[in-house]
C-alpha cells in the first residue's frame, strides 16, 4: 500500500482514541458489527479514566485502556505509550473519535497517512475546540461536519467527506451540536468504510474517492 492510497489487501485493524462519551465510537462499532466496515476494532484508548467510551468498549468486549494524561510529566512519554499500544495490536488505521488532544509531529509521523479525525464544522472554517460556539457567533447559515486525514497542523489535513447541517435561527450550542452529531454518526463510518475498501486516494490536499 502506498503512503497516499488506502488498500484492501488485508482486513484493516482499527485503534480508536476517545476522550468522552464515545457516541462516534458506538456508531463505528455498529458499522463493524453490521459488516459495513470490513475491519476489526482492536483497541479503544482514552486519555481520561472517566470517559464513557471505556464502558462502551467493555460492553462490546473490545480491549480498552486509559493513558491518563494527568499522570504523565510530558507529552512525549504520553504519546509514546499510546503509539506502543497501537503497534502492539497491529493497528492499520488510527481513528480519533472525540480525542481532545492535539497530536505532536512525532505521533503524526509514526502513523503518517493512517490517522483519521472528525470535526463538527465545515473545515477549513471554524477549526479548534469550540466549533459550535464560533459558528453561532459568526452568524453563518450552514454548518456540518468534516472527516479528514490528520497532518501536523490543527484540523488542517486533507478532507475526505463533509455533510452540511443548516443553522436554525433559534439554535444554541446544544441544539446545533445534537443535529450535527446525527450526521457525524453516519459520515464517520462511511469514511472508514471507504478507507478500508481501498477507495481513497490522496493527491496533495485532495482526497479522491475511487469507483
Protein backbone atom coordinates (compact mmCIF):
# COMPACT_ATOMS: atom_id res chain seq x y z
CA UNK A 1 0.00 0.00 0.00
CA UNK A 2 1.42 3.36 -0.97
CA UNK A 3 1.53 6.15 1.57
CA UNK A 4 -1.14 8.09 -0.33
CA UNK A 5 -3.65 5.34 -1.09
CA UNK A 6 -5.68 3.17 1.24
CA UNK A 7 -5.59 -0.51 0.46
CA UNK A 8 -7.71 -3.58 0.99
CA UNK A 9 -5.17 -6.37 0.57
CA UNK A 10 -5.85 -7.42 4.16
CA UNK A 11 -8.52 -6.73 6.72
CA UNK A 12 -7.82 -3.47 8.48
CA UNK A 13 -7.30 -3.17 12.21
CA UNK A 14 -8.68 -0.06 13.89
CA UNK A 15 -7.46 1.66 17.03
CA UNK A 16 -9.99 4.20 18.31
CA UNK A 17 -8.95 7.11 20.53
CA UNK A 18 -11.62 8.87 22.61
CA UNK A 19 -11.87 11.38 25.43
CA UNK A 20 -15.55 11.42 26.30
CA UNK A 21 -18.94 9.84 25.71
CA UNK A 22 -17.88 7.67 22.80
CA UNK A 23 -21.00 8.14 20.67
CA UNK A 24 -18.98 8.10 17.46
CA UNK A 25 -17.20 5.02 18.77
CA UNK A 26 -20.63 3.42 19.16
CA UNK A 27 -21.59 4.20 15.57
CA UNK A 28 -18.29 2.77 14.33
CA UNK A 29 -18.74 -0.39 16.40
CA UNK A 30 -22.21 -0.83 14.93
CA UNK A 31 -20.87 -0.40 11.39
CA UNK A 32 -18.17 -3.00 12.03
CA UNK A 33 -20.73 -5.38 13.53
CA UNK A 34 -23.06 -4.99 10.54
CA UNK A 35 -20.26 -5.59 8.06
CA UNK A 36 -20.38 -2.08 6.59
CA UNK A 37 -16.79 -1.53 7.72
CA UNK A 38 -14.60 -4.51 6.76
CA UNK A 39 -12.29 -4.22 9.75
CA UNK A 40 -11.91 -5.10 13.39
CA UNK A 41 -11.60 -2.71 16.30
CA UNK A 42 -8.55 -3.99 18.14
CA UNK A 43 -8.35 -1.48 20.97
CA UNK A 44 -10.05 1.61 22.39
CA UNK A 45 -7.77 4.13 24.11
CA UNK A 46 -8.78 7.10 26.22
CA UNK A 47 -6.88 9.86 27.98
CA UNK A 48 -9.44 10.21 30.78
CA UNK A 49 -10.31 7.47 33.29
CA UNK A 50 -13.97 8.55 33.46
CA UNK A 51 -14.54 8.50 29.69
CA UNK A 52 -17.75 6.64 28.92
CA UNK A 53 -16.04 5.24 25.82
CA UNK A 54 -14.32 2.76 28.16
CA UNK A 55 -17.70 1.42 29.27
CA UNK A 56 -18.86 1.08 25.68
CA UNK A 57 -15.72 -0.85 24.73
CA UNK A 58 -16.02 -3.12 27.76
CA UNK A 59 -19.66 -3.90 26.98
CA UNK A 60 -18.67 -4.78 23.41
CA UNK A 61 -15.79 -6.99 24.55
CA UNK A 62 -13.15 -4.77 22.94
CA UNK A 63 -9.76 -4.35 24.67
CA UNK A 64 -9.56 -0.90 26.23
CA UNK A 65 -7.07 1.12 28.21
CA UNK A 66 -6.70 4.60 29.68
CA UNK A 67 -3.47 6.53 29.49
CA UNK A 68 -4.32 9.31 31.94
CA UNK A 69 -2.58 12.43 30.64
CA UNK A 70 -2.51 13.90 34.15
CA UNK A 71 -0.17 11.12 35.26
CA UNK A 72 2.46 11.98 32.64
CA UNK A 73 5.05 14.68 33.16
CA UNK A 74 5.41 15.33 29.44
CA UNK A 75 3.52 14.88 26.20
CA UNK A 76 6.20 12.77 24.53
CA UNK A 77 6.04 9.89 27.00
CA UNK A 78 2.23 10.01 26.94
CA UNK A 79 2.13 9.70 23.15
CA UNK A 80 4.85 7.07 23.02
CA UNK A 81 2.84 4.83 25.33
CA UNK A 82 -0.23 5.25 23.13
CA UNK A 83 1.78 4.55 19.98
CA UNK A 84 3.28 1.43 21.56
CA UNK A 85 -0.20 0.16 22.44
CA UNK A 86 -1.42 0.73 18.89
CA UNK A 87 1.61 -1.05 17.46
CA UNK A 88 1.07 -3.94 19.86
CA UNK A 89 -2.29 -4.60 18.25
CA UNK A 90 -1.02 -4.07 14.70
CA UNK A 91 -3.34 -1.13 14.12
CA UNK A 92 -3.52 -0.05 10.47
CA UNK A 93 -5.84 2.96 10.93
CA UNK A 94 -5.95 5.27 13.94
CA UNK A 95 -9.45 6.72 14.39
CA UNK A 96 -9.81 9.85 16.51
CA UNK A 97 -13.38 9.89 17.83
CA UNK A 98 -13.62 12.88 20.12
CA UNK A 99 -10.00 12.64 21.25
CA UNK A 100 -9.41 16.08 22.71
CA UNK A 101 -5.63 16.24 22.37
CA UNK A 102 -3.52 17.88 19.70
CA UNK A 103 -1.13 15.25 18.41
CA UNK A 104 2.55 16.04 18.10
CA UNK A 105 4.53 15.77 14.86
CA UNK A 106 6.13 12.62 16.30
CA UNK A 107 2.80 10.82 16.59
CA UNK A 108 1.52 12.02 13.22
CA UNK A 109 4.70 10.81 11.51
CA UNK A 110 4.53 7.48 13.34
CA UNK A 111 1.18 6.80 11.65
CA UNK A 112 1.55 9.02 8.59
CA UNK A 113 -1.46 8.85 6.29
CA UNK A 114 -3.20 6.47 8.70
CA UNK A 115 -4.90 8.83 11.17
CA UNK A 116 -8.49 9.97 10.62
CA UNK A 117 -10.36 12.63 12.57
CA UNK A 118 -13.87 14.06 12.75
CA UNK A 119 -14.58 17.75 13.31
CA UNK A 120 -18.01 19.35 13.94
CA UNK A 121 -17.84 22.09 11.31
CA UNK A 122 -17.20 22.53 7.62
CA UNK A 123 -13.43 22.81 7.60
CA UNK A 124 -11.40 24.86 6.94
CA UNK A 125 -13.93 27.12 8.67
CA UNK A 126 -14.27 27.03 12.45
CA UNK A 127 -11.46 24.71 13.42
CA UNK A 128 -10.43 24.27 17.03
CA UNK A 129 -12.19 23.16 20.18
CA UNK A 130 -15.25 25.46 20.13
CA UNK A 131 -16.69 24.99 16.66
CA UNK A 132 -20.39 25.29 17.54
CA UNK A 133 -19.84 28.41 19.64
CA UNK A 134 -17.82 30.01 16.87
CA UNK A 135 -20.35 29.05 14.17
CA UNK A 136 -23.19 30.68 16.10
CA UNK A 137 -21.15 33.78 16.95
CA UNK A 138 -20.26 34.34 13.29
CA UNK A 139 -23.83 34.03 12.08
CA UNK A 140 -23.32 31.56 9.23
CA UNK A 141 -26.40 29.81 7.84
CA UNK A 142 -24.92 26.33 7.49
CA UNK A 143 -22.52 24.21 9.48
CA UNK A 144 -21.88 20.49 9.39
CA UNK A 145 -19.12 18.00 9.99
CA UNK A 146 -15.88 17.01 8.31
CA UNK A 147 -13.87 13.80 8.20
CA UNK A 148 -10.21 14.39 7.36
CA UNK A 149 -6.80 12.81 7.48
CA UNK A 150 -4.60 14.21 10.23
CA UNK A 151 -1.46 16.14 9.41
CA UNK A 152 0.84 18.15 11.65
CA UNK A 153 -1.47 21.17 11.78
CA UNK A 154 -4.71 21.69 13.68
CA UNK A 155 -7.75 20.43 11.73
CA UNK A 156 -5.81 21.06 8.54
CA UNK A 157 -5.38 17.66 6.89
CA UNK A 158 -6.88 16.56 3.55
CA UNK A 159 -10.68 16.40 3.66
CA UNK A 160 -12.33 13.04 3.00
CA UNK A 161 -16.06 13.71 3.42
CA UNK A 162 -18.32 16.54 4.56
CA UNK A 163 -22.01 16.91 5.33
CA UNK A 164 -23.95 20.17 5.61
CA UNK A 165 -26.31 20.90 8.52
CA UNK A 166 -28.49 24.06 8.48
CA UNK A 167 -28.10 26.51 11.35
CA UNK A 168 -31.53 27.42 12.69
CA UNK A 169 -32.32 30.91 13.94
CA UNK A 170 -33.08 29.71 17.45
CA UNK A 171 -30.12 27.34 17.74
CA UNK A 172 -27.86 27.30 20.75
CA UNK A 173 -24.69 25.25 21.06
CA UNK A 174 -26.54 22.21 22.39
CA UNK A 175 -29.25 22.07 19.72
CA UNK A 176 -26.78 22.63 16.89
CA UNK A 177 -24.37 20.05 18.32
CA UNK A 178 -27.16 17.48 18.59
CA UNK A 179 -28.15 17.84 14.93
CA UNK A 180 -24.56 17.75 13.74
CA UNK A 181 -23.92 14.64 15.84
CA UNK A 182 -26.66 12.76 13.99
CA UNK A 183 -24.76 13.35 10.75
CA UNK A 184 -21.41 12.50 12.35
CA UNK A 185 -22.72 9.05 13.20
CA UNK A 186 -23.48 8.45 9.51
CA UNK A 187 -20.44 10.12 7.96
CA UNK A 188 -17.62 8.66 10.06
CA UNK A 189 -18.45 5.00 9.40
CA UNK A 190 -18.76 5.82 5.69
CA UNK A 191 -15.29 7.40 5.59
CA UNK A 192 -13.73 4.47 7.43
CA UNK A 193 -15.54 2.07 5.09
CA UNK A 194 -14.06 3.83 2.05
CA UNK A 195 -10.58 3.66 3.55
CA UNK A 196 -10.83 0.01 4.44
CA UNK A 197 -12.13 -0.88 0.98
CA UNK A 198 -9.22 0.88 -0.70
CA UNK A 199 -11.43 3.61 -2.16
CA UNK A 200 -9.46 6.66 -1.05
CA UNK A 201 -6.53 8.19 -2.89
CA UNK A 202 -4.74 11.27 -1.58
CA UNK A 203 -3.18 13.64 -4.07
CA UNK A 204 -1.76 16.66 -2.28
CA UNK A 205 -4.69 18.32 -0.49
CA UNK A 206 -7.25 16.38 -2.50
CA UNK A 207 -8.81 13.06 -1.47
CA UNK A 208 -10.30 11.23 -4.42
CA UNK A 209 -12.99 8.57 -3.94
CA UNK A 210 -12.33 5.73 -6.35
CA UNK A 211 -15.03 3.70 -8.10
